[in-house]
């Protein structure tokens, strides 16, 4: 009897540890919105790094890198991978230019995905990204 109880406990513990956290649509939507807002907030640093705006290139890179390193949003994995490829930080660096291209297009894609999800619920009006989650909560009920 003791072995059956131990086996049952082992199976329950093992199966509980094997289950991955399942994201629901709201979680996915929220991550997209947060990733978009993150990229919007730090886009200025990228423009400094490629020489489109005035500022300290090394400082801008460090600010962007540090913020990205502290952000665990799965939607930002491609951006994280791109910043790892940056070995030389100057406005002529191909890796820095590619990072900027990625962020430009990725941010546009996130914006379209956020809007697509809201449109899928029938929300056709313009909106601020800061209001997107509140709108989602209202229209998805």
Protein backbone atom coordinates (compact mmCIF):
# COMPACT_ATOMS: atom_id res chain seq x y z
CA UNK A 1 0.00 0.00 0.00
CA UNK A 2 2.86 2.36 0.85
CA UNK A 3 4.38 1.83 -2.63
CA UNK A 4 1.07 2.62 -4.32
CA UNK A 5 0.77 5.87 -2.39
CA UNK A 6 4.38 6.80 -3.20
CA UNK A 7 3.84 5.95 -6.87
CA UNK A 8 0.65 8.02 -6.97
CA UNK A 9 2.38 11.00 -5.36
CA UNK A 10 5.30 10.66 -7.78
CA UNK A 11 2.98 10.55 -10.80
CA UNK A 12 1.03 13.57 -9.58
CA UNK A 13 4.19 15.58 -8.93
CA UNK A 14 5.75 14.52 -12.21
CA UNK A 15 2.68 15.39 -14.24
CA UNK A 16 2.28 18.74 -12.48
CA UNK A 17 5.88 19.65 -13.30
CA UNK A 18 5.47 18.63 -16.94
CA UNK A 19 2.59 20.96 -17.70
CA UNK A 20 3.66 24.13 -19.45
CA UNK A 21 2.01 27.38 -18.61
CA UNK A 22 -0.69 27.86 -21.20
CA UNK A 23 -1.06 31.40 -22.43
CA UNK A 24 -4.53 32.56 -23.19
CA UNK A 25 -5.35 35.12 -25.86
CA UNK A 26 -5.29 38.00 -23.38
CA UNK A 27 -1.78 37.05 -22.24
CA UNK A 28 -0.56 36.92 -25.85
CA UNK A 29 -2.26 40.24 -26.62
CA UNK A 30 -0.76 41.86 -23.52
CA UNK A 31 2.75 40.69 -24.44
CA UNK A 32 2.37 42.15 -27.94
CA UNK A 33 1.19 45.49 -26.54
CA UNK A 34 4.01 45.58 -23.98
CA UNK A 35 6.62 44.73 -26.62
CA UNK A 36 5.29 47.47 -28.90
CA UNK A 37 5.38 50.00 -26.05
CA UNK A 38 8.91 48.92 -25.11
CA UNK A 39 10.17 49.41 -28.65
CA UNK A 40 8.40 52.78 -28.86
CA UNK A 41 10.03 53.90 -25.62
CA UNK A 42 13.56 52.93 -26.70
CA UNK A 43 13.38 53.74 -30.42
CA UNK A 44 15.13 57.07 -29.81
CA UNK A 45 18.24 55.20 -28.66
CA UNK A 46 18.33 53.31 -31.96
CA UNK A 47 18.16 56.56 -33.91
CA UNK A 48 21.12 57.86 -31.93
CA UNK A 49 23.05 54.63 -32.63
CA UNK A 50 22.56 54.96 -36.41
CA UNK A 51 23.36 58.68 -36.41
CA UNK A 52 19.89 59.97 -37.28
CA UNK A 53 19.69 61.88 -33.99
CA UNK A 54 22.29 63.63 -31.85
CA UNK A 55 23.56 61.90 -28.75
CA UNK A 56 26.13 59.57 -27.24
CA UNK A 57 26.07 56.35 -29.29
CA UNK A 58 27.66 54.20 -26.57
CA UNK A 59 25.28 55.53 -23.92
CA UNK A 60 22.27 54.90 -26.18
CA UNK A 61 23.44 51.33 -26.85
CA UNK A 62 23.96 50.68 -23.14
CA UNK A 63 20.52 52.08 -22.27
CA UNK A 64 18.81 49.98 -24.95
CA UNK A 65 20.79 46.84 -24.04
CA UNK A 66 20.16 47.18 -20.31
CA UNK A 67 16.44 47.76 -20.79
CA UNK A 68 16.19 44.80 -23.15
CA UNK A 69 18.16 42.54 -20.81
CA UNK A 70 15.77 43.29 -17.96
CA UNK A 71 12.70 42.62 -20.12
CA UNK A 72 11.64 38.97 -20.33
CA UNK A 73 8.88 39.46 -22.91
CA UNK A 74 8.97 36.55 -25.36
CA UNK A 75 7.85 38.89 -28.14
CA UNK A 76 11.26 40.60 -27.90
CA UNK A 77 13.38 37.49 -28.50
CA UNK A 78 14.28 38.50 -32.11
CA UNK A 79 15.34 41.96 -30.91
CA UNK A 80 17.40 40.41 -28.12
CA UNK A 81 19.11 38.10 -30.62
CA UNK A 82 19.84 41.04 -32.93
CA UNK A 83 21.43 43.11 -30.17
CA UNK A 84 23.68 40.19 -29.25
CA UNK A 85 25.04 40.29 -32.82
CA UNK A 86 26.19 43.90 -32.36
CA UNK A 87 29.94 43.75 -31.75
CA UNK A 88 30.90 47.26 -32.83
CA UNK A 89 28.73 50.21 -31.86
CA UNK A 90 28.96 53.05 -34.34
CA UNK A 91 26.68 54.55 -36.96
CA UNK A 92 28.43 52.62 -39.76
CA UNK A 93 28.00 49.23 -38.09
CA UNK A 94 25.96 46.84 -40.23
CA UNK A 95 24.74 45.02 -37.12
CA UNK A 96 23.42 48.28 -35.66
CA UNK A 97 21.69 49.15 -38.95
CA UNK A 98 20.16 45.67 -39.08
CA UNK A 99 18.96 46.05 -35.50
CA UNK A 100 17.25 49.30 -36.47
CA UNK A 101 15.65 47.65 -39.55
CA UNK A 102 14.43 44.79 -37.39
CA UNK A 103 12.94 47.10 -34.77
CA UNK A 104 11.27 49.30 -37.40
CA UNK A 105 9.55 46.38 -39.13
CA UNK A 106 8.95 44.37 -35.97
CA UNK A 107 7.28 47.31 -34.26
CA UNK A 108 5.05 47.80 -37.32
CA UNK A 109 4.18 44.12 -37.25
CA UNK A 110 3.28 44.23 -33.57
CA UNK A 111 1.08 47.25 -34.21
CA UNK A 112 -0.74 45.38 -36.97
CA UNK A 113 -1.17 42.30 -34.78
CA UNK A 114 -2.63 44.33 -31.92
CA UNK A 115 -5.01 46.06 -34.29
CA UNK A 116 -5.90 42.75 -35.97
CA UNK A 117 -6.91 41.16 -32.69
CA UNK A 118 -9.12 44.12 -31.79
CA UNK A 119 -10.65 44.12 -35.28
CA UNK A 120 -11.33 40.43 -34.85
CA UNK A 121 -13.63 41.45 -32.01
CA UNK A 122 -15.27 44.12 -34.15
CA UNK A 123 -13.39 47.14 -32.78
CA UNK A 124 -12.77 49.29 -35.88
CA UNK A 125 -11.96 52.67 -34.32
CA UNK A 126 -8.53 54.27 -33.96
CA UNK A 127 -6.94 53.83 -30.56
CA UNK A 128 -3.87 54.60 -28.53
CA UNK A 129 -1.68 51.62 -27.73
CA UNK A 130 -1.88 52.65 -24.09
CA UNK A 131 -5.62 51.96 -24.23
CA UNK A 132 -5.37 48.69 -26.15
CA UNK A 133 -5.63 46.32 -23.17
CA UNK A 134 -8.62 48.18 -21.71
CA UNK A 135 -10.32 48.05 -25.10
CA UNK A 136 -9.48 44.34 -25.44
CA UNK A 137 -10.98 43.62 -22.04
CA UNK A 138 -14.15 45.45 -22.99
CA UNK A 139 -14.67 43.97 -26.46
CA UNK A 140 -13.63 40.41 -25.64
CA UNK A 141 -16.31 39.93 -22.99
